[in-house]
Amino acid sequence: MASGLLAGTFNQSMDVKGRMTFPARLREIIGEKFIVTKGVDGCLFVYSLEDFEAKAAKLKELPMAKSLPLQRSFFASAVEVEADKQGRILIPAMLRAVAALEKDVVVIGVADHCEIWEPQRWAAFNEKFTDEDLLGLLESF
């Protein structure tokens, strides 16, 4: 896996079987094999194999009473995918349902992971996050 910051927004299409091209620029960083799992706010999270294993190790260190619900959600929905020669991956039906993915999807880079969004959910999220929110967060650094 190449090192780098996962960033950018990519509009992609998904076929009826759940196959979509995962952006080449992101695959250069995350690798050709990676993990797709349930995210938050109605999206899917995408991790390199190495980053997923690192997150798993940290979760296992937490007390079970605190981490069990997160572990169940995070691990039960995790699927390893591999890009084919055309750069396509298959998103399993269960994960497509979780994120309401049908034809059009948005893939974004979020520093250490990627997210896959249904376009209307992505737009709604962006409408809620205002310039004032962004400025407030940037000023806190």
N, C-alpha and C. Protein backbone atom coordinates (compact mmCIF):
# COMPACT_ATOMS: atom_id res chain seq x y z
N MET A 1 0.84 -1.19 0.00
CA MET A 1 0.00 0.00 0.00
C MET A 1 0.88 1.24 0.00
N ALA A 2 0.57 2.17 -0.87
CA ALA A 2 1.28 3.44 -0.90
C ALA A 2 0.82 4.29 0.28
N SER A 3 1.69 5.15 0.75
CA SER A 3 1.27 6.03 1.83
C SER A 3 0.68 7.30 1.21
N GLY A 4 -0.18 7.93 1.94
CA GLY A 4 -0.78 9.16 1.44
C GLY A 4 -2.08 9.44 2.16
N LEU A 5 -2.58 10.60 1.89
CA LEU A 5 -3.81 11.07 2.50
C LEU A 5 -4.96 10.76 1.55
N LEU A 6 -5.98 10.09 2.03
CA LEU A 6 -7.16 9.79 1.23
C LEU A 6 -8.03 11.04 1.20
N ALA A 7 -8.22 11.59 0.01
CA ALA A 7 -8.98 12.83 -0.12
C ALA A 7 -9.66 12.89 -1.48
N GLY A 8 -10.67 13.72 -1.58
CA GLY A 8 -11.36 13.93 -2.84
C GLY A 8 -12.78 13.39 -2.81
N THR A 9 -13.54 13.80 -3.81
CA THR A 9 -14.93 13.36 -3.99
C THR A 9 -15.06 12.81 -5.39
N PHE A 10 -15.64 11.62 -5.52
CA PHE A 10 -15.73 10.93 -6.79
C PHE A 10 -17.15 10.42 -6.99
N ASN A 11 -17.77 10.82 -8.08
CA ASN A 11 -19.11 10.33 -8.42
C ASN A 11 -18.95 9.09 -9.28
N GLN A 12 -19.58 7.99 -8.85
CA GLN A 12 -19.45 6.71 -9.53
C GLN A 12 -20.84 6.14 -9.79
N SER A 13 -20.89 5.11 -10.62
CA SER A 13 -22.13 4.38 -10.88
C SER A 13 -21.97 2.95 -10.42
N MET A 14 -23.09 2.35 -10.03
CA MET A 14 -23.12 0.96 -9.60
C MET A 14 -24.07 0.21 -10.53
N ASP A 15 -23.69 -1.00 -10.92
CA ASP A 15 -24.58 -1.79 -11.76
C ASP A 15 -25.58 -2.56 -10.90
N VAL A 16 -26.50 -3.26 -11.52
CA VAL A 16 -27.56 -3.94 -10.78
C VAL A 16 -27.03 -5.06 -9.89
N LYS A 17 -25.83 -5.57 -10.18
CA LYS A 17 -25.23 -6.61 -9.35
C LYS A 17 -24.47 -6.04 -8.15
N GLY A 18 -24.36 -4.71 -8.06
CA GLY A 18 -23.65 -4.08 -6.94
C GLY A 18 -22.19 -3.83 -7.21
N ARG A 19 -21.78 -3.89 -8.48
CA ARG A 19 -20.38 -3.61 -8.82
C ARG A 19 -20.22 -2.13 -9.15
N MET A 20 -19.14 -1.59 -8.65
CA MET A 20 -18.82 -0.18 -8.93
C MET A 20 -17.31 -0.04 -9.08
N THR A 21 -16.91 0.93 -9.87
CA THR A 21 -15.49 1.23 -9.99
C THR A 21 -15.08 2.04 -8.78
N PHE A 22 -14.06 1.56 -8.09
CA PHE A 22 -13.53 2.31 -6.96
C PHE A 22 -12.44 3.21 -7.52
N PRO A 23 -12.45 4.52 -7.20
CA PRO A 23 -11.54 5.48 -7.84
C PRO A 23 -10.06 5.06 -7.78
N ALA A 24 -9.40 5.11 -8.94
CA ALA A 24 -8.00 4.69 -9.05
C ALA A 24 -7.11 5.48 -8.09
N ARG A 25 -7.35 6.77 -7.96
CA ARG A 25 -6.50 7.60 -7.08
C ARG A 25 -6.56 7.12 -5.64
N LEU A 26 -7.74 6.68 -5.20
CA LEU A 26 -7.87 6.16 -3.84
C LEU A 26 -7.29 4.76 -3.72
N ARG A 27 -7.46 3.93 -4.77
CA ARG A 27 -6.89 2.58 -4.74
C ARG A 27 -5.37 2.62 -4.69
N GLU A 28 -4.76 3.64 -5.28
CA GLU A 28 -3.30 3.78 -5.21
C GLU A 28 -2.82 3.87 -3.77
N ILE A 29 -3.65 4.43 -2.90
CA ILE A 29 -3.28 4.61 -1.50
C ILE A 29 -3.78 3.46 -0.64
N ILE A 30 -5.03 3.08 -0.83
CA ILE A 30 -5.67 2.10 0.06
C ILE A 30 -5.34 0.66 -0.33
N GLY A 31 -4.94 0.45 -1.58
CA GLY A 31 -4.61 -0.89 -2.05
C GLY A 31 -5.70 -1.46 -2.94
N GLU A 32 -5.43 -2.61 -3.53
CA GLU A 32 -6.40 -3.27 -4.41
C GLU A 32 -7.35 -4.17 -3.62
N LYS A 33 -6.95 -4.57 -2.41
CA LYS A 33 -7.80 -5.32 -1.48
C LYS A 33 -8.03 -4.44 -0.28
N PHE A 34 -9.29 -4.35 0.16
CA PHE A 34 -9.59 -3.52 1.32
C PHE A 34 -10.88 -3.99 1.97
N ILE A 35 -11.22 -3.38 3.08
CA ILE A 35 -12.40 -3.74 3.86
C ILE A 35 -13.48 -2.68 3.68
N VAL A 36 -14.72 -3.14 3.44
CA VAL A 36 -15.88 -2.27 3.42
C VAL A 36 -16.77 -2.72 4.58
N THR A 37 -17.24 -1.75 5.37
CA THR A 37 -18.08 -2.07 6.51
C THR A 37 -19.09 -0.95 6.75
N LYS A 38 -20.03 -1.21 7.62
CA LYS A 38 -21.05 -0.23 7.98
C LYS A 38 -20.38 0.98 8.62
N GLY A 39 -20.77 2.17 8.16
CA GLY A 39 -20.24 3.40 8.74
C GLY A 39 -21.29 4.08 9.60
N VAL A 40 -21.18 5.39 9.70
CA VAL A 40 -22.15 6.18 10.45
C VAL A 40 -22.81 7.18 9.50
N ASP A 41 -23.93 7.74 9.92
CA ASP A 41 -24.69 8.69 9.12
C ASP A 41 -25.21 8.08 7.82
N GLY A 42 -25.31 6.75 7.77
CA GLY A 42 -25.89 6.11 6.59
C GLY A 42 -24.92 5.86 5.45
N CYS A 43 -23.63 5.84 5.72
CA CYS A 43 -22.64 5.57 4.67
C CYS A 43 -21.89 4.28 5.00
N LEU A 44 -21.00 3.89 4.10
CA LEU A 44 -20.12 2.76 4.34
C LEU A 44 -18.71 3.27 4.56
N PHE A 45 -17.95 2.64 5.43
CA PHE A 45 -16.55 2.96 5.65
C PHE A 45 -15.70 1.98 4.84
N VAL A 46 -14.59 2.48 4.34
CA VAL A 46 -13.65 1.67 3.58
C VAL A 46 -12.27 1.87 4.19
N TYR A 47 -11.63 0.75 4.59
CA TYR A 47 -10.31 0.79 5.22
C TYR A 47 -9.34 -0.09 4.46
N SER A 48 -8.08 0.32 4.44
CA SER A 48 -7.04 -0.59 3.97
C SER A 48 -7.01 -1.77 4.92
N LEU A 49 -6.48 -2.89 4.47
CA LEU A 49 -6.38 -4.06 5.34
C LEU A 49 -5.59 -3.73 6.60
N GLU A 50 -4.50 -2.97 6.43
CA GLU A 50 -3.64 -2.62 7.57
C GLU A 50 -4.36 -1.73 8.57
N ASP A 51 -5.07 -0.72 8.07
CA ASP A 51 -5.79 0.17 8.98
C ASP A 51 -6.93 -0.53 9.69
N PHE A 52 -7.61 -1.44 8.99
CA PHE A 52 -8.69 -2.19 9.62
C PHE A 52 -8.15 -3.06 10.75
N GLU A 53 -7.03 -3.73 10.49
CA GLU A 53 -6.41 -4.56 11.53
C GLU A 53 -5.97 -3.71 12.72
N ALA A 54 -5.45 -2.51 12.47
CA ALA A 54 -5.04 -1.63 13.56
C ALA A 54 -6.24 -1.20 14.39
N LYS A 55 -7.36 -0.86 13.72
CA LYS A 55 -8.58 -0.48 14.45
C LYS A 55 -9.09 -1.67 15.26
N ALA A 56 -9.04 -2.87 14.68
CA ALA A 56 -9.49 -4.07 15.38
C ALA A 56 -8.66 -4.30 16.64
N ALA A 57 -7.36 -4.13 16.53
CA ALA A 57 -6.49 -4.32 17.70
C ALA A 57 -6.84 -3.33 18.81
N LYS A 58 -7.11 -2.07 18.44
CA LYS A 58 -7.48 -1.07 19.45
C LYS A 58 -8.81 -1.41 20.10
N LEU A 59 -9.76 -1.87 19.29
CA LEU A 59 -11.07 -2.24 19.85
C LEU A 59 -10.96 -3.40 20.82
N LYS A 60 -10.10 -4.35 20.50
CA LYS A 60 -9.95 -5.52 21.37
C LYS A 60 -9.32 -5.14 22.71
N GLU A 61 -8.61 -4.03 22.78
CA GLU A 61 -7.99 -3.58 24.02
C GLU A 61 -9.00 -2.94 24.97
N LEU A 62 -10.12 -2.48 24.46
CA LEU A 62 -11.12 -1.81 25.29
C LEU A 62 -11.89 -2.83 26.12
N PRO A 63 -12.41 -2.41 27.28
CA PRO A 63 -13.25 -3.32 28.07
C PRO A 63 -14.47 -3.75 27.24
N MET A 64 -14.80 -5.03 27.35
CA MET A 64 -15.89 -5.57 26.54
C MET A 64 -17.20 -4.83 26.77
N ALA A 65 -17.47 -4.43 28.00
CA ALA A 65 -18.72 -3.73 28.31
C ALA A 65 -18.84 -2.44 27.50
N LYS A 66 -17.71 -1.81 27.23
CA LYS A 66 -17.71 -0.57 26.47
C LYS A 66 -17.73 -0.81 24.97
N SER A 67 -17.00 -1.82 24.53
CA SER A 67 -16.74 -1.96 23.10
C SER A 67 -17.60 -2.99 22.37
N LEU A 68 -18.31 -3.84 23.10
CA LEU A 68 -19.03 -4.93 22.43
C LEU A 68 -20.03 -4.46 21.38
N PRO A 69 -20.87 -3.45 21.66
CA PRO A 69 -21.80 -3.01 20.60
C PRO A 69 -21.07 -2.50 19.35
N LEU A 70 -19.99 -1.77 19.55
CA LEU A 70 -19.22 -1.28 18.42
C LEU A 70 -18.56 -2.43 17.67
N GLN A 71 -17.98 -3.36 18.41
CA GLN A 71 -17.35 -4.51 17.77
C GLN A 71 -18.36 -5.29 16.93
N ARG A 72 -19.54 -5.51 17.47
CA ARG A 72 -20.57 -6.25 16.74
C ARG A 72 -20.91 -5.56 15.43
N SER A 73 -21.16 -4.29 15.49
CA SER A 73 -21.53 -3.55 14.29
C SER A 73 -20.37 -3.48 13.29
N PHE A 74 -19.20 -3.17 13.79
CA PHE A 74 -18.01 -2.95 12.96
C PHE A 74 -17.56 -4.23 12.28
N PHE A 75 -17.49 -5.32 13.03
CA PHE A 75 -16.95 -6.58 12.49
C PHE A 75 -17.99 -7.41 11.76
N ALA A 76 -19.22 -7.43 12.25
CA ALA A 76 -20.24 -8.28 11.63
C ALA A 76 -20.54 -7.86 10.20
N SER A 77 -20.42 -6.57 9.92
CA SER A 77 -20.73 -6.10 8.57
C SER A 77 -19.49 -5.96 7.68
N ALA A 78 -18.31 -6.26 8.20
CA ALA A 78 -17.07 -6.07 7.44
C ALA A 78 -16.89 -7.15 6.37
N VAL A 79 -16.54 -6.70 5.18
CA VAL A 79 -16.32 -7.59 4.04
C VAL A 79 -15.02 -7.17 3.34
N GLU A 80 -14.18 -8.15 3.05
CA GLU A 80 -12.97 -7.87 2.26
C GLU A 80 -13.36 -7.89 0.79
N VAL A 81 -12.97 -6.84 0.07
CA VAL A 81 -13.23 -6.76 -1.36
C VAL A 81 -11.90 -6.60 -2.10
N GLU A 82 -11.91 -6.97 -3.36
CA GLU A 82 -10.71 -6.83 -4.19
C GLU A 82 -11.13 -6.28 -5.54
N ALA A 83 -10.42 -5.25 -5.98
CA ALA A 83 -10.72 -4.65 -7.28
C ALA A 83 -10.32 -5.62 -8.39
N ASP A 84 -11.20 -5.72 -9.40
CA ASP A 84 -10.86 -6.55 -10.56
C ASP A 84 -9.99 -5.74 -11.53
N LYS A 85 -9.73 -6.28 -12.70
CA LYS A 85 -8.83 -5.62 -13.67
C LYS A 85 -9.35 -4.26 -14.12
N GLN A 86 -10.68 -4.08 -14.06
CA GLN A 86 -11.27 -2.80 -14.42
C GLN A 86 -11.39 -1.85 -13.23
N GLY A 87 -10.90 -2.27 -12.07
CA GLY A 87 -10.98 -1.44 -10.87
C GLY A 87 -12.32 -1.50 -10.17
N ARG A 88 -13.14 -2.51 -10.51
CA ARG A 88 -14.47 -2.63 -9.91
C ARG A 88 -14.41 -3.49 -8.66
N ILE A 89 -15.27 -3.13 -7.72
CA ILE A 89 -15.48 -3.94 -6.51
C ILE A 89 -16.95 -4.30 -6.43
N LEU A 90 -17.25 -5.35 -5.69
CA LEU A 90 -18.64 -5.76 -5.47
C LEU A 90 -19.04 -5.39 -4.05
N ILE A 91 -20.07 -4.56 -3.94
CA ILE A 91 -20.62 -4.21 -2.62
C ILE A 91 -21.74 -5.22 -2.34
N PRO A 92 -21.62 -6.03 -1.29
CA PRO A 92 -22.66 -7.02 -0.99
C PRO A 92 -24.02 -6.37 -0.75
N ALA A 93 -25.08 -7.12 -1.06
CA ALA A 93 -26.46 -6.61 -0.94
C ALA A 93 -26.75 -6.05 0.45
N MET A 94 -26.27 -6.73 1.51
CA MET A 94 -26.54 -6.27 2.87
C MET A 94 -25.96 -4.86 3.09
N LEU A 95 -24.77 -4.62 2.60
CA LEU A 95 -24.16 -3.28 2.77
C LEU A 95 -24.82 -2.25 1.86
N ARG A 96 -25.23 -2.66 0.66
CA ARG A 96 -25.95 -1.73 -0.22
C ARG A 96 -27.24 -1.29 0.46
N ALA A 97 -27.92 -2.20 1.14
CA ALA A 97 -29.16 -1.86 1.83
C ALA A 97 -28.90 -0.90 2.99
N VAL A 98 -27.85 -1.15 3.76
CA VAL A 98 -27.50 -0.29 4.90
C VAL A 98 -27.31 1.16 4.45
N ALA A 99 -26.66 1.34 3.30
CA ALA A 99 -26.34 2.69 2.82
C ALA A 99 -27.31 3.18 1.74
N ALA A 100 -28.37 2.43 1.46
CA ALA A 100 -29.38 2.79 0.46
C ALA A 100 -28.75 3.04 -0.92
N LEU A 101 -27.76 2.22 -1.27
CA LEU A 101 -27.07 2.39 -2.55
C LEU A 101 -27.83 1.67 -3.65
N GLU A 102 -28.02 2.38 -4.76
CA GLU A 102 -28.67 1.78 -5.91
C GLU A 102 -27.81 1.96 -7.15
N LYS A 103 -27.96 3.08 -7.86
CA LYS A 103 -27.21 3.26 -9.10
C LYS A 103 -26.04 4.23 -8.93
N ASP A 104 -26.33 5.43 -8.50
CA ASP A 104 -25.29 6.45 -8.34
C ASP A 104 -24.75 6.42 -6.92
N VAL A 105 -23.44 6.57 -6.79
CA VAL A 105 -22.81 6.61 -5.48
C VAL A 105 -21.76 7.72 -5.47
N VAL A 106 -21.42 8.16 -4.28
CA VAL A 106 -20.36 9.14 -4.09
C VAL A 106 -19.31 8.50 -3.19
N VAL A 107 -18.06 8.53 -3.62
CA VAL A 107 -16.96 8.02 -2.82
C VAL A 107 -16.13 9.21 -2.40
N ILE A 108 -15.85 9.30 -1.10
CA ILE A 108 -15.04 10.41 -0.61
C ILE A 108 -13.84 9.86 0.17
N GLY A 109 -12.74 10.59 0.09
CA GLY A 109 -11.58 10.29 0.92
C GLY A 109 -11.66 11.10 2.19
N VAL A 110 -11.41 10.44 3.33
CA VAL A 110 -11.54 11.11 4.64
C VAL A 110 -10.27 10.83 5.45
N ALA A 111 -9.15 11.28 4.95
CA ALA A 111 -7.84 11.17 5.61
C ALA A 111 -7.35 9.73 5.71
N ASP A 112 -7.87 8.95 6.68
CA ASP A 112 -7.35 7.59 6.89
C ASP A 112 -8.29 6.51 6.38
N HIS A 113 -9.46 6.90 5.84
CA HIS A 113 -10.40 5.93 5.28
C HIS A 113 -11.22 6.60 4.19
N CYS A 114 -12.01 5.83 3.50
CA CYS A 114 -12.92 6.38 2.51
C CYS A 114 -14.35 6.10 2.98
N GLU A 115 -15.28 6.79 2.36
CA GLU A 115 -16.69 6.55 2.64
C GLU A 115 -17.43 6.44 1.32
N ILE A 116 -18.46 5.58 1.30
CA ILE A 116 -19.31 5.43 0.13
C ILE A 116 -20.71 5.88 0.54
N TRP A 117 -21.25 6.84 -0.20
CA TRP A 117 -22.52 7.47 0.13
C TRP A 117 -23.52 7.34 -1.01
N GLU A 118 -24.79 7.31 -0.65
CA GLU A 118 -25.88 7.51 -1.59
C GLU A 118 -25.92 9.02 -1.82
N PRO A 119 -25.99 9.50 -3.08
CA PRO A 119 -25.84 10.95 -3.34
C PRO A 119 -26.77 11.87 -2.56
N GLN A 120 -28.05 11.50 -2.38
CA GLN A 120 -28.96 12.38 -1.64
C GLN A 120 -28.60 12.45 -0.16
N ARG A 121 -28.15 11.33 0.40
CA ARG A 121 -27.70 11.34 1.80
C ARG A 121 -26.46 12.23 1.94
N TRP A 122 -25.54 12.14 0.98
CA TRP A 122 -24.33 12.96 1.01
C TRP A 122 -24.69 14.44 0.92
N ALA A 123 -25.62 14.78 0.04
CA ALA A 123 -26.06 16.17 -0.10
C ALA A 123 -26.71 16.66 1.18
N ALA A 124 -27.55 15.83 1.79
CA ALA A 124 -28.23 16.22 3.03
C ALA A 124 -27.21 16.44 4.15
N PHE A 125 -26.20 15.56 4.23
CA PHE A 125 -25.16 15.75 5.24
C PHE A 125 -24.45 17.09 5.03
N ASN A 126 -24.11 17.40 3.79
CA ASN A 126 -23.41 18.66 3.49
C ASN A 126 -24.26 19.88 3.77
N GLU A 127 -25.58 19.77 3.59
CA GLU A 127 -26.47 20.89 3.89
C GLU A 127 -26.49 21.19 5.38
N LYS A 128 -26.37 20.15 6.21
CA LYS A 128 -26.38 20.34 7.67
C LYS A 128 -25.07 20.95 8.18
N PHE A 129 -23.97 20.69 7.49
CA PHE A 129 -22.66 21.15 7.94
C PHE A 129 -22.37 22.50 7.30
N THR A 130 -22.49 23.57 8.10
CA THR A 130 -22.40 24.93 7.58
C THR A 130 -20.97 25.46 7.56
N ASP A 131 -20.80 26.59 6.88
CA ASP A 131 -19.50 27.26 6.87
C ASP A 131 -19.09 27.65 8.29
N GLU A 132 -20.07 28.03 9.11
CA GLU A 132 -19.78 28.40 10.49
C GLU A 132 -19.25 27.19 11.26
N ASP A 133 -19.85 26.02 11.02
CA ASP A 133 -19.34 24.79 11.64
C ASP A 133 -17.89 24.55 11.26
N LEU A 134 -17.61 24.67 9.97
CA LEU A 134 -16.26 24.44 9.47
C LEU A 134 -15.28 25.44 10.08
N LEU A 135 -15.66 26.70 10.08
CA LEU A 135 -14.79 27.73 10.65
C LEU A 135 -14.52 27.47 12.12
N GLY A 136 -15.56 27.11 12.86
CA GLY A 136 -15.39 26.83 14.29
C GLY A 136 -14.41 25.68 14.53
N LEU A 137 -14.52 24.62 13.73
CA LEU A 137 -13.61 23.48 13.87
C LEU A 137 -12.19 23.86 13.47
N LEU A 138 -12.04 24.61 12.39
CA LEU A 138 -10.70 25.02 11.96
C LEU A 138 -10.03 25.92 12.99
N GLU A 139 -10.79 26.79 13.61
CA GLU A 139 -10.24 27.70 14.62
C GLU A 139 -9.79 26.95 15.87
N SER A 140 -10.40 25.79 16.13
CA SER A 140 -10.03 25.03 17.32
C SER A 140 -8.67 24.33 17.18
N PHE A 141 -8.13 24.31 15.99
CA PHE A 141 -6.81 23.69 15.80
C PHE A 141 -5.74 24.65 16.16
